[in-house]
């Protein structure tokens, strides 16, 4: 069962990555991915904190969510040690086992991630911590922030650094981390 799921995940990655390359989404994917960089969260929360009455609540909920998320993320990433698609596909191509074309493989070399493991996606995890925090404090923004978080996750596939299951795991971990805080009584 697990082997079939991994094969399906890899095939879905091949399809989505090739589709993003065919539509030349690399630049857009990189820009979307950057919106999921950690320092931007701090800037956003600081701006909201000084400009809106509920900004302090957002700050503390997001902070608590990250306090739960970060150690779990690090434990999972270093325990699972799933090779990133950009690294695995290059090895597979060298051995004649990758369905990707030379053009796709060149695209995989354009972007080098900061670490070597892929599961879960850190950008996606962080984006879903922020999206869930914002959605709880400002429910009217829920659709927009969850759409943004999904786009951050999708951008990581388009850049060739994550498989779809990495994105799902990151979304679950980020959302779940905030729900843990909410379940123990965030006020």
N, C-alpha and C. Protein backbone atom coordinates (compact mmCIF):
# COMPACT_ATOMS: atom_id res chain seq x y z
N UNK A 1 0.83 -1.20 0.00
CA UNK A 1 0.00 0.00 0.00
C UNK A 1 0.87 1.26 0.00
N UNK A 2 1.86 1.29 0.92
CA UNK A 2 2.73 2.46 1.02
C UNK A 2 3.52 2.67 -0.27
N UNK A 3 4.01 1.59 -0.85
CA UNK A 3 4.78 1.68 -2.10
C UNK A 3 3.92 2.25 -3.22
N UNK A 4 2.66 1.82 -3.30
CA UNK A 4 1.76 2.34 -4.33
C UNK A 4 1.52 3.83 -4.13
N UNK A 5 1.37 4.24 -2.88
CA UNK A 5 1.13 5.65 -2.58
C UNK A 5 2.34 6.50 -2.99
N UNK A 6 3.53 6.01 -2.71
CA UNK A 6 4.76 6.73 -3.09
C UNK A 6 4.88 6.81 -4.61
N UNK A 7 4.56 5.72 -5.31
CA UNK A 7 4.61 5.74 -6.78
C UNK A 7 3.59 6.73 -7.35
N UNK A 8 2.40 6.73 -6.79
CA UNK A 8 1.37 7.67 -7.23
C UNK A 8 1.80 9.10 -6.97
N UNK A 9 2.38 9.33 -5.81
CA UNK A 9 2.87 10.66 -5.45
C UNK A 9 3.94 11.13 -6.43
N UNK A 10 4.83 10.23 -6.79
CA UNK A 10 5.91 10.58 -7.72
C UNK A 10 5.36 10.85 -9.12
N UNK A 11 4.40 10.04 -9.56
CA UNK A 11 3.79 10.27 -10.88
C UNK A 11 3.04 11.59 -10.90
N UNK A 12 2.34 11.91 -9.81
CA UNK A 12 1.63 13.18 -9.73
C UNK A 12 2.62 14.35 -9.76
N UNK A 13 3.75 14.17 -9.08
CA UNK A 13 4.80 15.19 -9.14
C UNK A 13 5.26 15.39 -10.58
N UNK A 14 5.56 14.30 -11.28
CA UNK A 14 6.02 14.40 -12.68
C UNK A 14 5.02 15.18 -13.51
N UNK A 15 3.74 14.84 -13.36
CA UNK A 15 2.69 15.51 -14.14
C UNK A 15 2.63 17.01 -13.80
N UNK A 16 2.57 17.33 -12.51
CA UNK A 16 2.43 18.74 -12.10
C UNK A 16 3.68 19.56 -12.44
N UNK A 17 4.85 18.96 -12.25
CA UNK A 17 6.08 19.67 -12.57
C UNK A 17 6.18 19.94 -14.07
N UNK A 18 5.89 18.92 -14.88
CA UNK A 18 5.93 19.09 -16.34
C UNK A 18 4.90 20.12 -16.79
N UNK A 19 3.72 20.11 -16.19
CA UNK A 19 2.68 21.08 -16.51
C UNK A 19 3.13 22.50 -16.16
N UNK A 20 3.74 22.68 -15.01
CA UNK A 20 4.21 24.02 -14.62
C UNK A 20 5.33 24.49 -15.54
N UNK A 21 6.18 23.58 -15.99
CA UNK A 21 7.24 23.94 -16.93
C UNK A 21 6.65 24.30 -18.29
N UNK A 22 5.66 23.54 -18.73
CA UNK A 22 5.03 23.82 -20.04
C UNK A 22 4.36 25.19 -20.03
N UNK A 23 3.84 25.59 -18.90
CA UNK A 23 3.17 26.89 -18.78
C UNK A 23 4.13 27.99 -18.31
N UNK A 24 5.40 27.63 -18.19
CA UNK A 24 6.46 28.58 -17.80
C UNK A 24 6.12 29.32 -16.51
N UNK A 25 5.82 28.55 -15.48
CA UNK A 25 5.41 29.12 -14.19
C UNK A 25 6.57 29.25 -13.19
N UNK A 26 7.77 29.01 -13.63
CA UNK A 26 8.92 29.04 -12.73
C UNK A 26 9.11 30.35 -11.99
N UNK A 27 9.03 31.47 -12.69
CA UNK A 27 9.23 32.79 -12.05
C UNK A 27 8.10 33.06 -11.06
N UNK A 28 6.87 32.80 -11.47
CA UNK A 28 5.73 32.99 -10.57
C UNK A 28 5.84 32.07 -9.36
N UNK A 29 6.24 30.83 -9.58
CA UNK A 29 6.40 29.88 -8.48
C UNK A 29 7.44 30.37 -7.48
N UNK A 30 8.52 30.91 -7.97
CA UNK A 30 9.56 31.41 -7.07
C UNK A 30 9.05 32.60 -6.25
N UNK A 31 8.28 33.48 -6.89
CA UNK A 31 7.72 34.63 -6.18
C UNK A 31 6.71 34.18 -5.12
N UNK A 32 5.85 33.24 -5.49
CA UNK A 32 4.88 32.72 -4.52
C UNK A 32 5.59 32.02 -3.36
N UNK A 33 6.61 31.26 -3.67
CA UNK A 33 7.36 30.56 -2.64
C UNK A 33 7.98 31.55 -1.66
N UNK A 34 8.49 32.65 -2.16
CA UNK A 34 9.11 33.66 -1.28
C UNK A 34 8.12 34.25 -0.28
N UNK A 35 6.83 34.30 -0.65
CA UNK A 35 5.85 34.83 0.30
C UNK A 35 5.69 33.89 1.49
N UNK A 36 6.20 32.67 1.37
CA UNK A 36 6.16 31.71 2.47
C UNK A 36 7.44 31.69 3.29
N UNK A 37 8.35 32.61 3.05
CA UNK A 37 9.57 32.69 3.85
C UNK A 37 9.24 33.25 5.24
N UNK A 38 9.83 32.69 6.25
CA UNK A 38 9.55 33.04 7.64
C UNK A 38 9.61 34.51 8.01
N UNK A 39 10.63 35.26 7.60
CA UNK A 39 10.71 36.67 8.00
C UNK A 39 9.49 37.50 7.58
N UNK A 40 8.86 37.13 6.50
CA UNK A 40 7.68 37.88 6.07
C UNK A 40 6.53 37.73 7.04
N UNK A 41 6.45 36.59 7.72
CA UNK A 41 5.40 36.39 8.73
C UNK A 41 5.57 37.39 9.87
N UNK A 42 6.79 37.56 10.29
CA UNK A 42 7.07 38.49 11.38
C UNK A 42 6.69 39.91 10.99
N UNK A 43 7.02 40.31 9.79
CA UNK A 43 6.67 41.65 9.30
C UNK A 43 5.15 41.81 9.24
N UNK A 44 4.47 40.82 8.68
CA UNK A 44 3.01 40.88 8.58
C UNK A 44 2.36 40.98 9.96
N UNK A 45 2.76 40.12 10.86
CA UNK A 45 2.17 40.13 12.20
C UNK A 45 2.48 41.44 12.92
N UNK A 46 3.67 41.96 12.75
CA UNK A 46 4.03 43.24 13.39
C UNK A 46 3.14 44.37 12.86
N UNK A 47 2.95 44.43 11.55
CA UNK A 47 2.10 45.47 10.96
C UNK A 47 0.67 45.36 11.48
N UNK A 48 0.15 44.13 11.52
CA UNK A 48 -1.22 43.93 12.02
C UNK A 48 -1.28 44.26 13.51
N UNK A 49 -0.25 43.92 14.23
CA UNK A 49 -0.23 44.16 15.68
C UNK A 49 -0.31 45.65 16.02
N UNK A 50 0.37 46.48 15.24
CA UNK A 50 0.35 47.91 15.55
C UNK A 50 -0.82 48.65 14.90
N UNK A 51 -1.53 47.97 13.99
CA UNK A 51 -2.59 48.68 13.27
C UNK A 51 -4.00 48.16 13.54
N UNK A 52 -4.13 47.09 14.30
CA UNK A 52 -5.46 46.52 14.50
C UNK A 52 -5.60 45.97 15.93
N UNK A 53 -6.78 46.12 16.48
CA UNK A 53 -7.03 45.70 17.86
C UNK A 53 -6.76 44.22 18.11
N UNK A 54 -7.04 43.36 17.14
CA UNK A 54 -6.84 41.92 17.32
C UNK A 54 -5.45 41.47 16.88
N UNK A 55 -4.60 42.42 16.53
CA UNK A 55 -3.26 42.08 16.06
C UNK A 55 -2.42 41.34 17.09
N UNK A 56 -2.57 41.73 18.35
CA UNK A 56 -1.82 41.05 19.41
C UNK A 56 -2.26 39.60 19.56
N UNK A 57 -3.57 39.35 19.41
CA UNK A 57 -4.07 37.97 19.45
C UNK A 57 -3.48 37.14 18.31
N UNK A 58 -3.41 37.75 17.13
CA UNK A 58 -2.82 37.05 15.98
C UNK A 58 -1.37 36.72 16.27
N UNK A 59 -0.64 37.66 16.82
CA UNK A 59 0.77 37.44 17.14
C UNK A 59 0.94 36.23 18.07
N UNK A 60 0.17 36.21 19.17
CA UNK A 60 0.33 35.14 20.15
C UNK A 60 -0.15 33.79 19.63
N UNK A 61 -1.22 33.78 18.85
CA UNK A 61 -1.70 32.51 18.28
C UNK A 61 -0.69 31.95 17.27
N UNK A 62 -0.20 32.80 16.38
CA UNK A 62 0.78 32.35 15.40
C UNK A 62 2.06 31.89 16.10
N UNK A 63 2.51 32.65 17.08
CA UNK A 63 3.71 32.28 17.82
C UNK A 63 3.54 30.92 18.49
N UNK A 64 2.41 30.72 19.17
CA UNK A 64 2.15 29.43 19.83
C UNK A 64 2.06 28.31 18.79
N UNK A 65 1.44 28.59 17.64
CA UNK A 65 1.36 27.59 16.58
C UNK A 65 2.74 27.19 16.08
N UNK A 66 3.62 28.16 15.92
CA UNK A 66 4.99 27.86 15.47
C UNK A 66 5.78 27.12 16.55
N UNK A 67 5.50 27.41 17.82
CA UNK A 67 6.19 26.71 18.90
C UNK A 67 5.83 25.22 18.89
N UNK A 68 4.58 24.90 18.57
CA UNK A 68 4.17 23.50 18.45
C UNK A 68 4.72 22.91 17.15
N UNK A 69 4.60 23.65 16.07
CA UNK A 69 4.95 23.14 14.73
C UNK A 69 6.43 22.86 14.55
N UNK A 70 7.28 23.78 14.94
CA UNK A 70 8.70 23.68 14.61
C UNK A 70 9.39 22.41 15.11
N UNK A 71 9.25 22.04 16.38
CA UNK A 71 9.92 20.80 16.80
C UNK A 71 9.36 19.55 16.08
N UNK A 72 8.04 19.54 15.86
CA UNK A 72 7.45 18.41 15.15
C UNK A 72 7.96 18.33 13.71
N UNK A 73 8.03 19.48 13.08
CA UNK A 73 8.56 19.57 11.71
C UNK A 73 9.99 19.03 11.65
N UNK A 74 10.84 19.48 12.56
CA UNK A 74 12.24 19.05 12.55
C UNK A 74 12.37 17.55 12.84
N UNK A 75 11.57 17.05 13.77
CA UNK A 75 11.61 15.61 14.08
C UNK A 75 11.19 14.81 12.85
N UNK A 76 10.07 15.18 12.23
CA UNK A 76 9.58 14.46 11.06
C UNK A 76 10.56 14.52 9.91
N UNK A 77 11.06 15.72 9.61
CA UNK A 77 11.96 15.90 8.47
C UNK A 77 13.21 15.03 8.62
N UNK A 78 13.76 15.01 9.84
CA UNK A 78 15.01 14.29 10.06
C UNK A 78 14.80 12.80 10.34
N UNK A 79 13.60 12.41 10.71
CA UNK A 79 13.32 10.98 10.92
C UNK A 79 12.96 10.31 9.59
N UNK A 80 12.17 10.98 8.77
CA UNK A 80 11.72 10.39 7.50
C UNK A 80 12.81 10.45 6.45
N UNK A 81 13.50 11.57 6.36
CA UNK A 81 14.63 11.76 5.44
C UNK A 81 14.27 11.43 3.98
N UNK A 82 13.14 11.93 3.53
CA UNK A 82 12.73 11.70 2.15
C UNK A 82 13.54 12.60 1.22
N UNK A 83 14.16 12.00 0.23
CA UNK A 83 14.97 12.76 -0.73
C UNK A 83 14.06 13.67 -1.55
N UNK A 84 14.50 14.89 -1.74
CA UNK A 84 13.72 15.84 -2.53
C UNK A 84 13.64 15.39 -3.98
N UNK A 85 12.53 15.72 -4.66
CA UNK A 85 12.41 15.30 -6.06
C UNK A 85 13.52 15.86 -6.95
N UNK A 86 13.95 17.08 -6.68
CA UNK A 86 15.00 17.66 -7.54
C UNK A 86 16.30 16.86 -7.45
N UNK A 87 16.55 16.23 -6.32
CA UNK A 87 17.75 15.42 -6.17
C UNK A 87 17.52 13.99 -6.66
N UNK A 88 16.37 13.42 -6.35
CA UNK A 88 16.07 12.05 -6.75
C UNK A 88 15.94 11.93 -8.26
N UNK A 89 15.30 12.88 -8.91
CA UNK A 89 15.10 12.79 -10.35
C UNK A 89 16.42 12.88 -11.11
N UNK A 90 17.35 13.67 -10.61
CA UNK A 90 18.66 13.75 -11.27
C UNK A 90 19.39 12.42 -11.15
N UNK A 91 19.28 11.78 -9.99
CA UNK A 91 19.88 10.44 -9.82
C UNK A 91 19.19 9.42 -10.70
N UNK A 92 17.85 9.49 -10.77
CA UNK A 92 17.08 8.56 -11.60
C UNK A 92 17.40 8.73 -13.07
N UNK A 93 17.61 9.98 -13.49
CA UNK A 93 17.91 10.24 -14.90
C UNK A 93 19.27 9.64 -15.26
N UNK A 94 20.23 9.83 -14.37
CA UNK A 94 21.57 9.28 -14.62
C UNK A 94 21.53 7.76 -14.78
N UNK A 95 20.60 7.10 -14.10
CA UNK A 95 20.50 5.65 -14.20
C UNK A 95 19.49 5.21 -15.25
N UNK A 96 18.89 6.18 -15.96
CA UNK A 96 17.95 5.88 -17.03
C UNK A 96 16.53 5.57 -16.58
N UNK A 97 16.14 6.01 -15.37
CA UNK A 97 14.83 5.66 -14.83
C UNK A 97 13.90 6.85 -14.58
N UNK A 98 14.15 8.00 -15.14
CA UNK A 98 13.28 9.15 -14.93
C UNK A 98 12.45 9.41 -16.18
N UNK A 99 11.13 9.63 -16.01
CA UNK A 99 10.29 9.95 -17.16
C UNK A 99 10.39 11.42 -17.60
N UNK A 100 11.15 12.21 -16.86
CA UNK A 100 11.28 13.62 -17.20
C UNK A 100 12.26 13.81 -18.37
N UNK A 101 12.05 14.86 -19.13
CA UNK A 101 12.91 15.17 -20.28
C UNK A 101 14.16 15.92 -19.83
N UNK A 102 15.10 16.06 -20.76
CA UNK A 102 16.31 16.84 -20.46
C UNK A 102 15.95 18.26 -20.04
N UNK A 103 14.97 18.85 -20.72
CA UNK A 103 14.54 20.22 -20.40
C UNK A 103 14.02 20.30 -18.96
N UNK A 104 13.23 19.31 -18.55
CA UNK A 104 12.71 19.29 -17.19
C UNK A 104 13.84 19.13 -16.17
N UNK A 105 14.79 18.29 -16.50
CA UNK A 105 15.91 18.07 -15.58
C UNK A 105 16.76 19.33 -15.43
N UNK A 106 16.91 20.07 -16.50
CA UNK A 106 17.63 21.36 -16.41
C UNK A 106 16.86 22.32 -15.51
N UNK A 107 15.53 22.29 -15.60
CA UNK A 107 14.71 23.15 -14.76
C UNK A 107 14.86 22.78 -13.28
N UNK A 108 15.03 21.50 -13.00
CA UNK A 108 15.21 21.07 -11.61
C UNK A 108 16.51 21.62 -11.02
N UNK A 109 17.48 21.91 -11.85
CA UNK A 109 18.76 22.42 -11.38
C UNK A 109 18.74 23.93 -11.11
N UNK A 110 17.66 24.60 -11.53
CA UNK A 110 17.60 26.07 -11.38
C UNK A 110 17.44 26.52 -9.93
N UNK A 111 16.89 25.68 -9.10
CA UNK A 111 16.54 26.09 -7.74
C UNK A 111 17.09 25.07 -6.76
N UNK A 112 17.93 25.51 -5.86
CA UNK A 112 18.51 24.60 -4.86
C UNK A 112 17.90 24.92 -3.49
N UNK A 113 17.20 23.96 -2.88
CA UNK A 113 16.59 24.21 -1.57
C UNK A 113 17.64 24.32 -0.48
N UNK A 114 17.21 24.84 0.67
CA UNK A 114 18.15 25.09 1.76
C UNK A 114 18.54 23.83 2.52
N UNK A 115 17.72 22.77 2.44
CA UNK A 115 18.11 21.51 3.07
C UNK A 115 17.83 20.36 2.10
N UNK A 116 18.21 19.14 2.48
CA UNK A 116 18.13 18.07 1.49
C UNK A 116 16.91 17.16 1.61
N UNK A 117 16.10 17.31 2.65
CA UNK A 117 14.94 16.44 2.82
C UNK A 117 13.64 17.17 2.51
N UNK A 118 12.61 16.39 2.12
CA UNK A 118 11.41 17.03 1.59
C UNK A 118 10.14 16.86 2.41
N UNK A 119 10.05 15.89 3.30
CA UNK A 119 8.78 15.61 3.97
C UNK A 119 8.86 15.94 5.44
N UNK A 120 8.04 16.87 5.91
CA UNK A 120 7.02 17.69 5.24
C UNK A 120 7.62 18.96 4.66
N UNK A 121 6.83 19.66 3.86
CA UNK A 121 7.27 20.93 3.30
C UNK A 121 7.22 22.01 4.37
N UNK A 122 8.37 22.59 4.66
CA UNK A 122 8.44 23.64 5.67
C UNK A 122 7.71 24.91 5.27
N UNK A 123 7.84 25.30 4.00
CA UNK A 123 7.13 26.49 3.53
C UNK A 123 5.62 26.31 3.67
N UNK A 124 5.15 25.12 3.29
CA UNK A 124 3.72 24.85 3.37
C UNK A 124 3.27 24.79 4.82
N UNK A 125 4.06 24.16 5.67
CA UNK A 125 3.72 24.07 7.09
C UNK A 125 3.58 25.47 7.69
N UNK A 126 4.57 26.31 7.44
CA UNK A 126 4.52 27.68 7.96
C UNK A 126 3.36 28.48 7.39
N UNK A 127 3.10 28.31 6.10
CA UNK A 127 1.98 29.03 5.47
C UNK A 127 0.65 28.62 6.10
N UNK A 128 0.51 27.34 6.42
CA UNK A 128 -0.75 26.89 7.04
C UNK A 128 -0.84 27.27 8.51
N UNK A 129 0.27 27.40 9.21
CA UNK A 129 0.22 27.96 10.57
C UNK A 129 -0.31 29.39 10.49
N UNK A 130 0.24 30.17 9.57
CA UNK A 130 -0.20 31.56 9.42
C UNK A 130 -1.65 31.64 8.95
N UNK A 131 -2.00 30.86 7.94
CA UNK A 131 -3.36 30.91 7.39
C UNK A 131 -4.39 30.52 8.45
N UNK A 132 -4.10 29.49 9.21
CA UNK A 132 -5.05 29.04 10.24
C UNK A 132 -5.15 30.07 11.36
N UNK A 133 -4.04 30.68 11.72
CA UNK A 133 -4.06 31.73 12.75
C UNK A 133 -4.87 32.93 12.28
N UNK A 134 -4.60 33.38 11.06
CA UNK A 134 -5.34 34.53 10.50
C UNK A 134 -6.82 34.18 10.38
N UNK A 135 -7.13 32.99 9.89
CA UNK A 135 -8.53 32.59 9.70
C UNK A 135 -9.29 32.53 11.03
N UNK A 136 -8.60 32.16 12.11
CA UNK A 136 -9.27 32.12 13.41
C UNK A 136 -9.54 33.53 13.93
N UNK A 137 -8.57 34.40 13.81
CA UNK A 137 -8.71 35.77 14.34
C UNK A 137 -9.56 36.63 13.40
N UNK A 138 -9.40 36.45 12.11
CA UNK A 138 -10.12 37.24 11.10
C UNK A 138 -10.83 36.28 10.14
N UNK A 139 -11.97 35.70 10.54
CA UNK A 139 -12.64 34.69 9.71
C UNK A 139 -13.02 35.17 8.31
N UNK A 140 -13.22 36.46 8.16
CA UNK A 140 -13.57 36.99 6.84
C UNK A 140 -12.43 36.85 5.83
N UNK A 141 -11.24 36.59 6.29
CA UNK A 141 -10.07 36.43 5.42
C UNK A 141 -9.72 34.96 5.18
N UNK A 142 -10.50 34.04 5.72
CA UNK A 142 -10.16 32.61 5.67
C UNK A 142 -9.93 32.10 4.25
N UNK A 143 -10.85 32.36 3.34
CA UNK A 143 -10.69 31.85 1.97
C UNK A 143 -9.42 32.37 1.32
N UNK A 144 -9.17 33.64 1.50
CA UNK A 144 -8.00 34.25 0.88
C UNK A 144 -6.69 33.69 1.44
N UNK A 145 -6.60 33.57 2.76
CA UNK A 145 -5.34 33.10 3.35
C UNK A 145 -5.11 31.61 3.09
N UNK A 146 -6.18 30.82 3.06
CA UNK A 146 -5.99 29.40 2.72
C UNK A 146 -5.64 29.22 1.24
N UNK A 147 -6.20 30.05 0.39
CA UNK A 147 -5.81 30.01 -1.03
C UNK A 147 -4.33 30.35 -1.16
N UNK A 148 -3.89 31.38 -0.46
CA UNK A 148 -2.47 31.76 -0.48
C UNK A 148 -1.60 30.59 0.00
N UNK A 149 -2.00 29.94 1.10
CA UNK A 149 -1.21 28.83 1.65
C UNK A 149 -1.12 27.68 0.64
N UNK A 150 -2.23 27.40 -0.03
CA UNK A 150 -2.23 26.35 -1.07
C UNK A 150 -1.31 26.73 -2.22
N UNK A 151 -1.31 28.00 -2.60
CA UNK A 151 -0.43 28.46 -3.68
C UNK A 151 1.05 28.36 -3.28
N UNK A 152 1.34 28.65 -2.03
CA UNK A 152 2.73 28.48 -1.55
C UNK A 152 3.12 27.01 -1.69
N UNK A 153 2.25 26.12 -1.24
CA UNK A 153 2.52 24.69 -1.37
C UNK A 153 2.69 24.27 -2.83
N UNK A 154 1.79 24.72 -3.69
CA UNK A 154 1.88 24.40 -5.12
C UNK A 154 3.16 24.92 -5.75
N UNK A 155 3.60 26.08 -5.29
CA UNK A 155 4.83 26.65 -5.85
C UNK A 155 6.04 25.77 -5.55
N UNK A 156 5.99 25.07 -4.44
CA UNK A 156 7.10 24.21 -4.07
C UNK A 156 7.18 22.97 -4.99
N UNK A 157 6.02 22.52 -5.46
CA UNK A 157 6.01 21.44 -6.45
C UNK A 157 6.53 21.97 -7.78
N UNK A 158 6.05 23.15 -8.17
CA UNK A 158 6.46 23.75 -9.44
C UNK A 158 7.97 24.03 -9.47
N UNK A 159 8.55 24.29 -8.32
CA UNK A 159 10.00 24.51 -8.25
C UNK A 159 10.79 23.20 -8.23
N UNK A 160 10.07 22.08 -8.07
CA UNK A 160 10.72 20.78 -8.10
C UNK A 160 11.34 20.35 -6.79
N UNK A 161 10.96 20.98 -5.69
CA UNK A 161 11.59 20.66 -4.41
C UNK A 161 10.70 19.85 -3.47
N UNK A 162 9.43 19.64 -3.85
CA UNK A 162 8.52 18.85 -3.01
C UNK A 162 7.57 18.01 -3.85
N UNK A 163 7.22 16.87 -3.30
CA UNK A 163 6.18 16.02 -3.85
C UNK A 163 4.82 16.48 -3.30
N UNK A 164 3.73 16.13 -3.96
CA UNK A 164 2.40 16.50 -3.45
C UNK A 164 2.13 16.03 -2.01
N UNK A 165 2.58 14.82 -1.64
CA UNK A 165 2.36 14.37 -0.27
C UNK A 165 3.13 15.20 0.76
N UNK A 166 4.26 15.77 0.36
CA UNK A 166 5.00 16.67 1.25
C UNK A 166 4.14 17.90 1.57
N UNK A 167 3.41 18.35 0.54
CA UNK A 167 2.56 19.53 0.69
C UNK A 167 1.37 19.19 1.59
N UNK A 168 0.75 18.03 1.35
CA UNK A 168 -0.37 17.63 2.22
C UNK A 168 0.07 17.46 3.67
N UNK A 169 1.23 16.87 3.87
CA UNK A 169 1.74 16.69 5.23
C UNK A 169 2.02 18.05 5.88
N UNK A 170 2.59 18.97 5.12
CA UNK A 170 2.85 20.31 5.65
C UNK A 170 1.56 21.04 6.00
N UNK A 171 0.55 20.92 5.14
CA UNK A 171 -0.75 21.56 5.40
C UNK A 171 -1.37 20.99 6.67
N UNK A 172 -1.32 19.67 6.82
CA UNK A 172 -1.88 19.03 8.01
C UNK A 172 -1.12 19.42 9.27
N UNK A 173 0.20 19.44 9.20
CA UNK A 173 1.01 19.80 10.36
C UNK A 173 0.80 21.25 10.76
N UNK A 174 0.80 22.15 9.79
CA UNK A 174 0.60 23.57 10.11
C UNK A 174 -0.77 23.85 10.69
N UNK A 175 -1.81 23.32 10.06
CA UNK A 175 -3.17 23.51 10.54
C UNK A 175 -3.36 22.83 11.89
N UNK A 176 -2.88 21.60 12.00
CA UNK A 176 -3.01 20.86 13.25
C UNK A 176 -2.30 21.52 14.42
N UNK A 177 -1.17 22.15 14.17
CA UNK A 177 -0.42 22.82 15.24
C UNK A 177 -1.23 23.96 15.85
N UNK A 178 -1.92 24.71 15.01
CA UNK A 178 -2.75 25.80 15.52
C UNK A 178 -3.98 25.23 16.23
N UNK A 179 -4.56 24.16 15.68
CA UNK A 179 -5.72 23.54 16.34
C UNK A 179 -5.36 22.99 17.71
N UNK A 180 -4.13 22.50 17.88
CA UNK A 180 -3.69 22.04 19.19
C UNK A 180 -3.75 23.20 20.19
N UNK A 181 -3.24 24.35 19.78
CA UNK A 181 -3.26 25.53 20.66
C UNK A 181 -4.69 25.94 20.96
N UNK A 182 -5.54 25.95 19.94
CA UNK A 182 -6.94 26.34 20.14
C UNK A 182 -7.67 25.35 21.04
N UNK A 183 -7.32 24.06 20.94
CA UNK A 183 -8.01 23.04 21.75
C UNK A 183 -7.66 23.11 23.23
N UNK A 184 -6.48 23.64 23.54
CA UNK A 184 -6.12 23.75 24.96
C UNK A 184 -6.54 25.09 25.56
N UNK A 185 -7.23 25.89 24.75
CA UNK A 185 -7.82 27.10 25.29
C UNK A 185 -7.04 28.36 25.03
N UNK A 186 -7.02 28.81 23.81
CA UNK A 186 -6.36 30.07 23.48
C UNK A 186 -7.33 31.22 23.76
N UNK A 187 -6.90 32.17 24.57
CA UNK A 187 -7.73 33.37 24.86
C UNK A 187 -6.93 34.63 24.63
